[in-house]
Protein backbone atom coordinates (compact mmCIF):
# COMPACT_ATOMS: atom_id res chain seq x y z
CA UNK A 1 180.53 187.82 -6.39
CA UNK A 2 184.20 187.90 -4.88
CA UNK A 3 186.43 185.55 -6.39
CA UNK A 4 186.51 183.01 -3.77
CA UNK A 5 182.61 183.03 -4.27
CA UNK A 6 183.18 182.49 -7.91
CA UNK A 7 185.50 179.30 -7.05
CA UNK A 8 182.89 178.28 -4.44
CA UNK A 9 179.86 178.46 -6.87
CA UNK A 10 181.77 176.21 -9.41
CA UNK A 11 182.63 173.67 -6.97
CA UNK A 12 179.23 173.53 -5.61
CA UNK A 13 178.37 172.48 -9.04
CA UNK A 14 181.01 169.99 -9.35
CA UNK A 15 180.00 168.40 -6.14
CA UNK A 16 176.40 168.21 -6.76
CA UNK A 17 176.76 166.57 -10.29
CA UNK A 18 179.64 164.14 -9.44
CA UNK A 19 177.46 162.94 -6.35
CA UNK A 20 174.53 162.49 -8.28
CA UNK A 21 176.25 160.41 -10.65
CA UNK A 22 178.06 158.37 -8.01
CA UNK A 23 174.58 157.87 -6.22
CA UNK A 24 173.00 156.23 -9.44
CA UNK A 25 176.05 154.03 -10.16
CA UNK A 26 175.84 152.78 -6.46
CA UNK A 27 172.23 152.13 -6.89
CA UNK A 28 172.84 149.86 -10.00
CA UNK A 29 175.47 148.18 -8.01
CA UNK A 30 173.19 147.64 -4.76
CA UNK A 31 170.65 145.91 -7.08
CA UNK A 32 173.44 143.30 -8.17
CA UNK A 33 174.31 142.99 -4.30
CA UNK A 34 178.00 143.91 -4.73
CA UNK A 35 178.78 143.28 -1.17
CA UNK A 36 177.86 139.50 -1.42
CA UNK A 37 181.56 138.21 -1.76
CA UNK A 38 182.84 140.24 1.17
CA UNK A 39 179.80 139.12 3.26
CA UNK A 40 180.35 135.60 2.40
CA UNK A 41 183.96 136.10 3.51
CA UNK A 42 183.28 137.54 6.90
CA UNK A 43 179.69 135.91 7.41
CA UNK A 44 177.99 139.56 8.39
CA UNK A 45 178.29 142.58 6.72
CA UNK A 46 179.15 144.63 10.11
CA UNK A 47 182.53 142.49 10.30
CA UNK A 48 183.70 143.59 6.72
CA UNK A 49 186.82 145.97 7.33
CA UNK A 50 186.08 149.47 5.81
CA UNK A 51 188.99 149.32 3.68
CA UNK A 52 188.19 145.74 2.02
CA UNK A 53 184.51 147.27 1.60
CA UNK A 54 185.63 150.69 -0.01
CA UNK A 55 188.16 149.18 -2.01
CA UNK A 56 185.72 146.58 -3.49
CA UNK A 57 183.02 149.37 -4.17
CA UNK A 58 185.71 151.54 -6.07
CA UNK A 59 186.69 148.37 -8.12
CA UNK A 60 182.72 147.76 -8.86
CA UNK A 61 182.47 151.52 -10.04
CA UNK A 62 185.38 151.24 -12.30
CA UNK A 63 184.02 148.09 -13.72
CA UNK A 64 180.52 149.23 -14.01
CA UNK A 65 181.63 152.20 -16.23
CA UNK A 66 184.39 150.40 -17.93
CA UNK A 67 181.89 147.67 -19.31
CA UNK A 68 179.38 149.83 -20.79
CA UNK A 69 180.96 153.36 -21.43
CA UNK A 70 178.27 155.85 -22.38
CA UNK A 71 179.08 158.64 -24.66
CA UNK A 72 176.59 160.79 -22.93
CA UNK A 73 177.96 160.32 -19.37
CA UNK A 74 181.51 160.60 -20.76
CA UNK A 75 180.63 164.03 -22.13
CA UNK A 76 179.13 165.20 -18.96
CA UNK A 77 182.28 163.99 -16.83
CA UNK A 78 184.60 165.74 -19.27
CA UNK A 79 182.73 168.87 -19.02
CA UNK A 80 183.02 168.44 -15.14
CA UNK A 81 186.70 168.00 -15.49
CA UNK A 82 186.79 171.35 -17.20
CA UNK A 83 185.07 172.92 -14.49
CA UNK A 84 187.36 171.41 -11.78
CA UNK A 85 190.43 172.61 -13.70
CA UNK A 86 189.28 176.02 -14.19
CA UNK A 87 188.19 176.21 -10.37
CA UNK A 88 191.44 174.72 -9.49
CA UNK A 89 193.33 177.29 -11.49
CA UNK A 90 191.45 180.23 -9.75
CA UNK A 91 191.88 178.66 -6.54
CA UNK A 92 195.83 178.41 -6.93
CA UNK A 93 195.78 181.98 -8.19
CA UNK A 94 193.86 183.15 -5.14
CA UNK A 95 196.15 181.46 -2.80
CA UNK A 96 199.32 182.66 -4.65
CA UNK A 97 200.76 179.07 -4.94
CA UNK A 98 201.74 176.51 -7.49
CA UNK A 99 200.72 172.88 -7.65
CA UNK A 100 204.26 172.02 -6.67
CA UNK A 101 204.28 174.03 -3.49
CA UNK A 102 201.05 171.99 -2.26
CA UNK A 103 203.57 169.46 -1.24
CA UNK A 104 205.70 171.97 0.77
CA UNK A 105 202.58 173.32 2.71
CA UNK A 106 201.15 169.90 3.21
CA UNK A 107 204.77 168.76 4.75
CA UNK A 108 204.70 171.89 7.04
CA UNK A 109 201.33 170.92 8.69
CA UNK A 110 202.48 167.58 8.97
CA UNK A 111 205.32 168.65 10.87
CA UNK A 112 203.14 170.69 13.18
CA UNK A 113 201.35 167.39 14.11
CA UNK A 114 204.46 165.28 14.34
CA UNK A 115 205.96 167.77 16.71
CA UNK A 116 202.95 168.08 18.74
CA UNK A 117 203.01 171.81 18.41
CA UNK A 118 199.08 172.06 19.31
CA UNK A 119 197.90 175.26 20.66
CA UNK A 120 197.03 175.05 24.50
CA UNK A 121 194.37 177.80 23.92
CA UNK A 122 191.28 178.42 21.94
CA UNK A 123 192.50 179.32 18.29
CA UNK A 124 190.51 181.28 15.55
CA UNK A 125 192.97 181.63 12.57
CA UNK A 126 192.35 184.44 10.11
CA UNK A 127 194.90 185.09 7.32
CA UNK A 128 194.01 188.75 7.23
CA UNK A 129 195.31 188.98 10.85
CA UNK A 130 199.14 189.40 9.98
CA UNK A 131 200.73 190.50 13.53
CA UNK A 132 198.11 188.28 15.21
CA UNK A 133 198.61 185.20 13.42
CA UNK A 134 202.57 185.53 13.70
CA UNK A 135 202.32 185.79 17.33
CA UNK A 136 200.14 182.69 17.31
CA UNK A 137 202.61 180.80 15.39
CA UNK A 138 205.44 181.85 17.64
CA UNK A 139 203.63 180.71 20.58
CA UNK A 140 203.37 177.05 19.60
CA UNK A 141 206.74 176.44 17.49
CA UNK A 142 209.90 176.10 19.00
CA UNK A 143 212.06 177.54 16.25
CA UNK A 144 211.57 180.47 13.96
CA UNK A 145 213.33 178.71 11.09
CA UNK A 146 210.29 177.71 9.19
CA UNK A 147 207.92 180.32 10.52
CA UNK A 148 206.68 181.59 7.27
CA UNK A 149 205.92 178.13 5.77
CA UNK A 150 203.99 177.25 8.70
CA UNK A 151 202.04 180.52 8.47
CA UNK A 152 201.69 180.20 4.95
CA UNK A 153 200.49 176.72 5.24
CA UNK A 154 197.87 177.64 7.96
CA UNK A 155 196.55 180.47 5.50
CA UNK A 156 196.21 177.70 2.88
CA UNK A 157 194.50 175.37 5.19
CA UNK A 158 191.98 178.12 6.19
CA UNK A 159 190.82 178.59 2.72
CA UNK A 160 190.72 175.16 1.68
CA UNK A 161 188.73 174.24 4.56
CA UNK A 162 186.34 176.96 3.69
CA UNK A 163 185.84 175.82 0.29
CA UNK A 164 186.30 172.04 -0.19
CA UNK A 165 183.32 170.56 1.15
CA UNK A 166 183.55 166.83 0.22
CA UNK A 167 185.49 164.22 -2.03
CA UNK A 168 183.65 164.41 -5.01
CA UNK A 169 186.58 165.71 -7.04
CA UNK A 170 188.50 162.51 -5.97
CA UNK A 171 185.74 160.62 -7.16
CA UNK A 172 185.52 162.41 -10.47
CA UNK A 173 189.28 162.27 -11.27
CA UNK A 174 190.23 158.89 -9.84
CA UNK A 175 187.49 156.86 -10.15
CA UNK A 176 185.03 157.99 -13.05
CA UNK A 177 187.12 159.77 -15.45
CA UNK A 178 189.95 157.41 -15.99
CA UNK A 179 187.35 154.49 -16.27
CA UNK A 180 185.41 156.09 -19.04
CA UNK A 181 188.21 157.84 -21.04
CA UNK A 182 191.16 155.45 -20.87
CA UNK A 183 193.28 157.07 -23.26
CA UNK A 184 193.74 160.22 -20.81
CA UNK A 185 193.65 158.07 -17.86
CA UNK A 186 197.17 159.30 -16.56
CA UNK A 187 196.22 162.92 -16.78
CA UNK A 188 193.12 162.44 -14.80
CA UNK A 189 195.22 160.22 -12.01
CA UNK A 190 197.63 163.05 -11.94
CA UNK A 191 195.09 165.73 -11.48
CA UNK A 192 193.73 163.39 -8.69
CA UNK A 193 196.88 163.44 -6.89
CA UNK A 194 196.79 167.42 -7.02
CA UNK A 195 193.37 167.50 -5.43
CA UNK A 196 194.42 164.84 -2.94
CA UNK A 197 197.07 167.08 -1.73
CA UNK A 198 194.51 169.87 -1.30
CA UNK A 199 191.95 167.71 0.60
CA UNK A 200 194.79 166.53 2.86
CA UNK A 201 195.80 170.35 3.59
CA UNK A 202 192.25 170.94 4.43
CA UNK A 203 192.10 168.01 6.79
CA UNK A 204 195.28 168.52 8.55
CA UNK A 205 194.75 172.10 9.06
CA UNK A 206 191.22 171.37 10.49
CA UNK A 207 192.42 168.70 12.80
CA UNK A 208 195.21 170.84 13.93
CA UNK A 209 192.92 173.93 14.78
CA UNK A 210 189.88 171.83 16.05
CA UNK A 211 190.86 168.62 17.32
CA UNK A 212 194.67 169.15 18.39
CA UNK A 213 195.11 165.56 17.21
CA UNK A 214 196.04 163.82 13.63
CA UNK A 215 193.52 163.55 11.36
CA UNK A 216 192.33 159.95 10.03
CA UNK A 217 195.64 159.03 8.41
CA UNK A 218 194.24 155.50 7.25
CA UNK A 219 191.59 157.44 5.10
CA UNK A 220 194.39 159.35 3.33
CA UNK A 221 196.66 156.17 3.01
CA UNK A 222 193.82 154.32 1.44
CA UNK A 223 193.45 157.20 -1.24
CA UNK A 224 197.30 157.14 -1.71
CA UNK A 225 197.57 153.35 -2.10
CA UNK A 226 194.64 153.24 -4.30
CA UNK A 227 196.17 155.61 -6.69
CA UNK A 228 199.43 153.92 -6.76
CA UNK A 229 197.48 150.62 -7.57
CA UNK A 230 195.84 152.55 -10.61
CA UNK A 231 199.35 153.98 -11.80
CA UNK A 232 200.81 150.33 -11.68
CA UNK A 233 198.14 148.91 -13.78
CA UNK A 234 199.10 151.40 -16.37
CA UNK A 235 202.49 149.82 -16.96
């Protein structure tokens, strides 16, 4: 297998196991009618704002794990954490970037959206097409000042879009692990912030190439705000 296939294999295992755990916890909550307070507040389930619904679900998941921590589940989650850390290390090595640089390339993609530098024609981005991708970038930016940053950001977005399938790493790092292993809560949340940047780069890239429009900003703002709330609770 290639290096990217190795990373993909690890992440598929993480995704599958985390989602299985998430579903089982959700089934327990459903049996206890966790939505009842919001249904009473809004009269009908359909009227519940998605942000309130999701926040309550996340809080209930945290409470469920915190109230009766299982040593077996804790071991499983810590093993999944090790898998994610290994995959992340391999992925950053493959992309030839550091964790700190993720912010730089996320900002570059945000700038493309902010300035409306959307391509007019159909675009197929391929990181291996050196001259072609450079010409493509030059066709929809007005200055060559940050040309290299844009190209690198687009390359990174291409690969992250290819390999990150769903947000199970965020569920693992931000919801599950900090709830069951509280002494290492800050470590997990910090890793969650790194993962969040990766997922945002993926989405900003996809939205730029495929939709020619901003991604769902509210979705990412929710995660940022939720993480900040958890960090505040540590003080």
